[in-house]
Amino acid sequence: MQILSAENAKVFSENIWKENPIFRQILGICSCLAVTNLVFNTMIMCAGLIFATVMSNLLVSALRNYIAGRIRMIAQVVLIAVSVTVVDLLLKAFLYDVSKQLGAYVGLIITNCIVMGRAEVFAMKNSPWPSFWDGLGAGIGYSIVLLIIAIPREILGFGTLMGYPIMSQDWISWNIMIMPPGAFFMLGILIWIVNSTGKKVGHDEK
């Protein structure tokens, strides 16, 4: 078995760009509003979400033949909750201060549309190995969006990057960037740029 076959590579890459759910369906934006004003916190949330997406996809795929159709959504939530609980416990054990800052948003990964969507749409219909790459691609694609939003928000909102000052002492912080409207603003610009580029590419291909 190839580690990354052509089919799995396509599944992986499409979730990062072409079928990125934030760009295409505006899903899972709760984290965009909650944790993207600091890059370090965003990176921790991204790592947790990637782990949860990959592990839940693997668990759902491995058990898909034993899950009755009428209870599949309940079973998926339980399996996702197991993965998220592991993330939450690890954060509390090794990064307690960050865990306090992220608060309830770590637990909300359980109901993240992206995690649940990949479990329902892909993992329930495919074997574990392709499901692993699907979950990894979806998690990385989501993380890229969060980091693109987080970097300018921290720079403009705090004058820092990863907690280190990078702006001059005369810098006047943009308070709106620290608040949820700043995340909406950055997300809107990013989606507009990506979708505009996609339309141009599609037009050229035709």
C-alpha atoms as a PDB file:
ATOM      1  CA  MET A   1       0.000   0.000   0.000  1.00  0.00           C
ATOM      2  CA  GLN A   2       1.353   3.394  -0.955  1.00  0.00           C
ATOM      3  CA  ILE A   3       1.611   5.904   1.869  1.00  0.00           C
ATOM      4  CA  LEU A   4       0.014   8.565  -0.312  1.00  0.00           C
ATOM      5  CA  SER A   5      -1.614   7.272  -3.482  1.00  0.00           C
ATOM      6  CA  ALA A   6      -2.784   9.600  -6.237  1.00  0.00           C
ATOM      7  CA  GLU A   7      -6.382   9.253  -5.046  1.00  0.00           C
ATOM      8  CA  ASN A   8      -5.491  10.029  -1.428  1.00  0.00           C
ATOM      9  CA  ALA A   9      -3.314  12.937  -2.538  1.00  0.00           C
ATOM     10  CA  LYS A  10      -6.301  14.390  -4.382  1.00  0.00           C
ATOM     11  CA  VAL A  11      -8.518  13.987  -1.315  1.00  0.00           C
ATOM     12  CA  PHE A  12      -5.855  15.653   0.835  1.00  0.00           C
ATOM     13  CA  SER A  13      -5.149  18.595  -1.486  1.00  0.00           C
ATOM     14  CA  GLU A  14      -8.775  19.376  -2.339  1.00  0.00           C
ATOM     15  CA  ASN A  15      -9.639  19.879   1.321  1.00  0.00           C
ATOM     16  CA  ILE A  16      -6.802  22.365   1.682  1.00  0.00           C
ATOM     17  CA  TRP A  17      -7.775  24.612  -1.208  1.00  0.00           C
ATOM     18  CA  LYS A  18     -10.439  23.700  -3.751  1.00  0.00           C
ATOM     19  CA  GLU A  19     -13.009  22.353  -1.290  1.00  0.00           C
ATOM     20  CA  ASN A  20     -11.923  24.319   1.774  1.00  0.00           C
ATOM     21  CA  PRO A  21     -15.199  24.596   3.723  1.00  0.00           C
ATOM     22  CA  ILE A  22     -14.504  28.091   5.021  1.00  0.00           C
ATOM     23  CA  PHE A  23     -13.952  29.435   1.520  1.00  0.00           C
ATOM     24  CA  ARG A  24     -16.778  27.546  -0.156  1.00  0.00           C
ATOM     25  CA  GLN A  25     -19.523  27.072   2.457  1.00  0.00           C
ATOM     26  CA  ILE A  26     -18.480  29.552   5.203  1.00  0.00           C
ATOM     27  CA  LEU A  27     -18.486  26.729   7.761  1.00  0.00           C
ATOM     28  CA  GLY A  28     -16.732  26.482  11.118  1.00  0.00           C
ATOM     29  CA  ILE A  29     -16.100  30.208  11.576  1.00  0.00           C
ATOM     30  CA  CYS A  30     -16.639  30.151  15.359  1.00  0.00           C
ATOM     31  CA  SER A  31     -12.900  29.696  15.913  1.00  0.00           C
ATOM     32  CA  CYS A  32     -12.168  32.551  13.510  1.00  0.00           C
ATOM     33  CA  LEU A  33     -14.027  34.912  15.805  1.00  0.00           C
ATOM     34  CA  ALA A  34     -12.850  33.437  19.092  1.00  0.00           C
ATOM     35  CA  VAL A  35      -9.143  32.662  19.029  1.00  0.00           C
ATOM     36  CA  THR A  36      -7.510  34.394  16.061  1.00  0.00           C
ATOM     37  CA  ASN A  37      -6.437  37.597  17.811  1.00  0.00           C
ATOM     38  CA  LEU A  38      -3.261  35.851  19.041  1.00  0.00           C
ATOM     39  CA  VAL A  39      -1.159  33.683  16.720  1.00  0.00           C
ATOM     40  CA  PHE A  40       0.128  31.329  19.429  1.00  0.00           C
ATOM     41  CA  ASN A  41      -3.381  30.531  20.691  1.00  0.00           C
ATOM     42  CA  THR A  42      -4.478  30.049  17.105  1.00  0.00           C
ATOM     43  CA  MET A  43      -1.681  27.555  16.491  1.00  0.00           C
ATOM     44  CA  ILE A  44      -2.705  25.560  19.556  1.00  0.00           C
ATOM     45  CA  MET A  45      -6.342  25.535  18.451  1.00  0.00           C
ATOM     46  CA  CYS A  46      -5.273  24.469  14.956  1.00  0.00           C
ATOM     47  CA  ALA A  47      -3.199  21.582  16.332  1.00  0.00           C
ATOM     48  CA  GLY A  48      -6.130  20.462  18.471  1.00  0.00           C
ATOM     49  CA  LEU A  49      -8.559  20.643  15.581  1.00  0.00           C
ATOM     50  CA  ILE A  50      -6.247  18.736  13.225  1.00  0.00           C
ATOM     51  CA  PHE A  51      -5.857  16.002  15.843  1.00  0.00           C
ATOM     52  CA  ALA A  52      -9.611  15.860  16.449  1.00  0.00           C
ATOM     53  CA  THR A  53     -10.449  15.772  12.734  1.00  0.00           C
ATOM     54  CA  VAL A  54      -7.931  13.035  11.948  1.00  0.00           C
ATOM     55  CA  MET A  55      -8.770  10.866  14.966  1.00  0.00           C
ATOM     56  CA  SER A  56     -12.540  11.209  14.593  1.00  0.00           C
ATOM     57  CA  ASN A  57     -12.297  10.339  10.896  1.00  0.00           C
ATOM     58  CA  LEU A  58     -10.236   7.260  11.728  1.00  0.00           C
ATOM     59  CA  LEU A  59     -12.603   6.131  14.497  1.00  0.00           C
ATOM     60  CA  VAL A  60     -15.763   6.708  12.469  1.00  0.00           C
ATOM     61  CA  SER A  61     -14.292   4.958   9.430  1.00  0.00           C
ATOM     62  CA  ALA A  62     -13.064   1.972  11.441  1.00  0.00           C
ATOM     63  CA  LEU A  63     -16.446   1.512  13.109  1.00  0.00           C
ATOM     64  CA  ARG A  64     -18.693   2.528  10.206  1.00  0.00           C
ATOM     65  CA  ASN A  65     -19.852  -1.025   9.483  1.00  0.00           C
ATOM     66  CA  TYR A  66     -20.978  -1.444  13.101  1.00  0.00           C
ATOM     67  CA  ILE A  67     -22.887   1.841  13.393  1.00  0.00           C
ATOM     68  CA  ALA A  68     -26.607   1.630  12.676  1.00  0.00           C
ATOM     69  CA  GLY A  69     -27.818   4.281  10.252  1.00  0.00           C
ATOM     70  CA  ARG A  70     -30.492   5.622  12.588  1.00  0.00           C
ATOM     71  CA  ILE A  71     -27.940   6.474  15.302  1.00  0.00           C
ATOM     72  CA  ARG A  72     -24.973   7.380  13.135  1.00  0.00           C
ATOM     73  CA  MET A  73     -25.004  11.101  14.047  1.00  0.00           C
ATOM     74  CA  ILE A  74     -25.077  10.314  17.768  1.00  0.00           C
ATOM     75  CA  ALA A  75     -22.261   7.820  17.344  1.00  0.00           C
ATOM     76  CA  GLN A  76     -20.198  10.328  15.379  1.00  0.00           C
ATOM     77  CA  VAL A  77     -20.625  13.000  18.059  1.00  0.00           C
ATOM     78  CA  VAL A  78     -19.527  10.523  20.737  1.00  0.00           C
ATOM     79  CA  LEU A  79     -16.418   9.536  18.765  1.00  0.00           C
ATOM     80  CA  ILE A  80     -15.565  13.182  18.052  1.00  0.00           C
ATOM     81  CA  ALA A  81     -16.066  13.975  21.738  1.00  0.00           C
ATOM     82  CA  VAL A  82     -13.511  11.300  22.646  1.00  0.00           C
ATOM     83  CA  SER A  83     -10.904  12.952  20.413  1.00  0.00           C
ATOM     84  CA  VAL A  84     -11.681  16.444  21.687  1.00  0.00           C
ATOM     85  CA  THR A  85     -11.547  15.285  25.305  1.00  0.00           C
ATOM     86  CA  VAL A  86      -8.017  14.001  24.705  1.00  0.00           C
ATOM     87  CA  VAL A  87      -7.053  17.409  23.292  1.00  0.00           C
ATOM     88  CA  ASP A  88      -8.636  19.216  26.233  1.00  0.00           C
ATOM     89  CA  LEU A  89      -6.873  17.033  28.806  1.00  0.00           C
ATOM     90  CA  LEU A  90      -3.495  17.452  27.094  1.00  0.00           C
ATOM     91  CA  LEU A  91      -3.898  21.242  27.056  1.00  0.00           C
ATOM     92  CA  LYS A  92      -4.824  21.322  30.729  1.00  0.00           C
ATOM     93  CA  ALA A  93      -1.856  19.119  31.575  1.00  0.00           C
ATOM     94  CA  PHE A  94       0.854  20.852  29.538  1.00  0.00           C
ATOM     95  CA  LEU A  95      -0.497  24.309  28.521  1.00  0.00           C
ATOM     96  CA  TYR A  96      -2.831  25.250  31.319  1.00  0.00           C
ATOM     97  CA  ASP A  97      -2.674  29.019  30.739  1.00  0.00           C
ATOM     98  CA  VAL A  98      -3.516  28.577  27.065  1.00  0.00           C
ATOM     99  CA  SER A  99      -6.295  26.175  28.004  1.00  0.00           C
ATOM    100  CA  LYS A 100      -7.821  28.862  30.231  1.00  0.00           C
ATOM    101  CA  GLN A 101      -7.584  31.449  27.458  1.00  0.00           C
ATOM    102  CA  LEU A 102      -9.229  29.171  24.901  1.00  0.00           C
ATOM    103  CA  GLY A 103     -11.887  28.226  27.431  1.00  0.00           C
ATOM    104  CA  ALA A 104     -15.020  26.624  26.041  1.00  0.00           C
ATOM    105  CA  TYR A 105     -13.864  26.947  22.444  1.00  0.00           C
ATOM    106  CA  VAL A 106     -11.829  23.745  22.696  1.00  0.00           C
ATOM    107  CA  GLY A 107     -14.970  21.841  23.666  1.00  0.00           C
ATOM    108  CA  LEU A 108     -16.859  23.449  20.799  1.00  0.00           C
ATOM    109  CA  ILE A 109     -14.635  21.530  18.369  1.00  0.00           C
ATOM    110  CA  ILE A 110     -17.106  18.688  19.027  1.00  0.00           C
ATOM    111  CA  THR A 111     -19.834  20.580  17.181  1.00  0.00           C
ATOM    112  CA  ASN A 112     -17.547  22.138  14.567  1.00  0.00           C
ATOM    113  CA  CYS A 113     -19.256  21.741  11.195  1.00  0.00           C
ATOM    114  CA  ILE A 114     -16.006  20.781   9.510  1.00  0.00           C
ATOM    115  CA  VAL A 115     -15.216  17.920  11.885  1.00  0.00           C
ATOM    116  CA  MET A 116     -18.760  16.566  11.823  1.00  0.00           C
ATOM    117  CA  GLY A 117     -19.050  17.118   8.087  1.00  0.00           C
ATOM    118  CA  ARG A 118     -15.954  15.086   7.224  1.00  0.00           C
ATOM    119  CA  ALA A 119     -17.084  12.274   9.503  1.00  0.00           C
ATOM    120  CA  GLU A 120     -20.528  12.123   7.894  1.00  0.00           C
ATOM    121  CA  VAL A 121     -19.642  12.809   4.263  1.00  0.00           C
ATOM    122  CA  PHE A 122     -16.345  10.947   3.959  1.00  0.00           C
ATOM    123  CA  ALA A 123     -15.397   8.724   6.895  1.00  0.00           C
ATOM    124  CA  MET A 124     -18.772   6.925   6.960  1.00  0.00           C
ATOM    125  CA  LYS A 125     -18.245   5.879   3.344  1.00  0.00           C
ATOM    126  CA  ASN A 126     -14.527   5.164   3.112  1.00  0.00           C
ATOM    127  CA  SER A 127     -11.828   3.026   4.713  1.00  0.00           C
ATOM    128  CA  PRO A 128      -9.560   4.385   7.479  1.00  0.00           C
ATOM    129  CA  TRP A 129      -6.496   5.265   5.374  1.00  0.00           C
ATOM    130  CA  PRO A 130      -8.268   7.585   2.902  1.00  0.00           C
ATOM    131  CA  SER A 131     -10.239   8.966   5.854  1.00  0.00           C
ATOM    132  CA  PHE A 132      -6.967   9.804   7.587  1.00  0.00           C
ATOM    133  CA  TRP A 133      -5.830  11.906   4.620  1.00  0.00           C
ATOM    134  CA  ASP A 134      -9.248  13.499   4.290  1.00  0.00           C
ATOM    135  CA  GLY A 135      -9.218  14.536   7.949  1.00  0.00           C
ATOM    136  CA  LEU A 136      -5.623  15.755   7.765  1.00  0.00           C
ATOM    137  CA  GLY A 137      -6.326  17.839   4.657  1.00  0.00           C
ATOM    138  CA  ALA A 138      -9.495  19.344   6.153  1.00  0.00           C
ATOM    139  CA  GLY A 139      -7.686  20.194   9.392  1.00  0.00           C
ATOM    140  CA  ILE A 140      -4.701  21.753   7.661  1.00  0.00           C
ATOM    141  CA  GLY A 141      -6.922  23.700   5.258  1.00  0.00           C
ATOM    142  CA  TYR A 142      -8.905  25.084   8.163  1.00  0.00           C
ATOM    143  CA  SER A 143      -5.721  25.897  10.076  1.00  0.00           C
ATOM    144  CA  ILE A 144      -4.221  27.822   7.168  1.00  0.00           C
ATOM    145  CA  VAL A 145      -7.270  30.088   7.095  1.00  0.00           C
ATOM    146  CA  LEU A 146      -7.117  30.697  10.850  1.00  0.00           C
ATOM    147  CA  LEU A 147      -3.415  31.570  10.724  1.00  0.00           C
ATOM    148  CA  ILE A 148      -3.840  33.912   7.759  1.00  0.00           C
ATOM    149  CA  ILE A 149      -6.470  35.750   9.787  1.00  0.00           C
ATOM    150  CA  ALA A 150      -4.558  35.621  13.082  1.00  0.00           C
ATOM    151  CA  ILE A 151      -1.264  37.111  11.882  1.00  0.00           C
ATOM    152  CA  PRO A 152      -2.579  40.525  10.748  1.00  0.00           C
ATOM    153  CA  ARG A 153      -5.027  40.642  13.676  1.00  0.00           C
ATOM    154  CA  GLU A 154      -2.249  40.294  16.260  1.00  0.00           C
ATOM    155  CA  ILE A 155       0.083  42.668  14.436  1.00  0.00           C
ATOM    156  CA  LEU A 156      -2.540  45.379  13.988  1.00  0.00           C
ATOM    157  CA  GLY A 157      -4.347  44.763  17.270  1.00  0.00           C
ATOM    158  CA  PHE A 158      -1.402  44.346  19.648  1.00  0.00           C
ATOM    159  CA  GLY A 159       1.654  45.392  17.635  1.00  0.00           C
ATOM    160  CA  THR A 160       3.168  41.970  18.322  1.00  0.00           C
ATOM    161  CA  LEU A 161       3.725  38.653  16.585  1.00  0.00           C
ATOM    162  CA  MET A 162       3.792  35.490  18.681  1.00  0.00           C
ATOM    163  CA  GLY A 163       3.906  37.816  21.681  1.00  0.00           C
ATOM    164  CA  TYR A 164       7.043  39.662  20.565  1.00  0.00           C
ATOM    165  CA  PRO A 165       6.770  43.410  19.829  1.00  0.00           C
ATOM    166  CA  ILE A 166       7.429  44.178  16.171  1.00  0.00           C
ATOM    167  CA  MET A 167       5.873  47.635  15.814  1.00  0.00           C
ATOM    168  CA  SER A 168       7.404  50.928  16.940  1.00  0.00           C
ATOM    169  CA  GLN A 169       6.564  52.432  20.304  1.00  0.00           C
ATOM    170  CA  ASP A 170       4.461  55.061  18.521  1.00  0.00           C
ATOM    171  CA  TRP A 171       2.209  52.376  17.063  1.00  0.00           C
ATOM    172  CA  ILE A 172      -1.480  52.930  17.828  1.00  0.00           C
ATOM    173  CA  SER A 173      -3.232  49.584  18.158  1.00  0.00           C
ATOM    174  CA  TRP A 174      -6.322  48.908  16.088  1.00  0.00           C
ATOM    175  CA  ASN A 175      -8.709  47.838  18.827  1.00  0.00           C
ATOM    176  CA  ILE A 176     -11.249  46.577  16.301  1.00  0.00           C
ATOM    177  CA  MET A 177      -8.783  43.867  15.300  1.00  0.00           C
ATOM    178  CA  ILE A 178      -8.852  42.423  18.808  1.00  0.00           C
ATOM    179  CA  MET A 179     -12.650  42.233  18.761  1.00  0.00           C
ATOM    180  CA  PRO A 180     -14.892  39.798  16.804  1.00  0.00           C
ATOM    181  CA  PRO A 181     -15.683  42.423  14.109  1.00  0.00           C
ATOM    182  CA  GLY A 182     -11.988  42.384  13.205  1.00  0.00           C
ATOM    183  CA  ALA A 183     -12.204  38.664  12.528  1.00  0.00           C
ATOM    184  CA  PHE A 184     -15.314  39.172  10.379  1.00  0.00           C
ATOM    185  CA  PHE A 185     -13.489  41.892   8.471  1.00  0.00           C
ATOM    186  CA  MET A 186     -10.400  39.775   7.794  1.00  0.00           C
ATOM    187  CA  LEU A 187     -12.416  36.670   6.962  1.00  0.00           C
ATOM    188  CA  GLY A 188     -14.595  38.590   4.512  1.00  0.00           C
ATOM    189  CA  ILE A 189     -11.562  40.004   2.698  1.00  0.00           C
ATOM    190  CA  LEU A 190      -9.902  36.579   2.534  1.00  0.00           C
ATOM    191  CA  ILE A 191     -13.007  34.830   1.177  1.00  0.00           C
ATOM    192  CA  TRP A 192     -13.504  37.600  -1.397  1.00  0.00           C
ATOM    193  CA  ILE A 193      -9.896  37.296  -2.603  1.00  0.00           C
ATOM    194  CA  VAL A 194      -9.972  33.493  -2.791  1.00  0.00           C
ATOM    195  CA  ASN A 195     -13.358  33.253  -4.505  1.00  0.00           C
ATOM    196  CA  SER A 196     -12.485  36.015  -6.962  1.00  0.00           C
ATOM    197  CA  THR A 197      -9.276  34.209  -7.852  1.00  0.00           C
ATOM    198  CA  GLY A 198     -11.166  30.932  -8.206  1.00  0.00           C
ATOM    199  CA  LYS A 199     -13.664  32.451 -10.624  1.00  0.00           C
ATOM    200  CA  LYS A 200     -10.846  33.836 -12.757  1.00  0.00           C
ATOM    201  CA  VAL A 201      -9.129  30.464 -12.817  1.00  0.00           C
ATOM    202  CA  GLY A 202     -12.360  28.728 -13.741  1.00  0.00           C
ATOM    203  CA  HIS A 203     -13.035  31.273 -16.488  1.00  0.00           C
ATOM    204  CA  ASP A 204      -9.573  30.819 -17.933  1.00  0.00           C
ATOM    205  CA  GLU A 205      -9.968  27.042 -17.920  1.00  0.00           C
ATOM    206  CA  LYS A 206     -13.139  27.337 -19.940  1.00  0.00           C
END
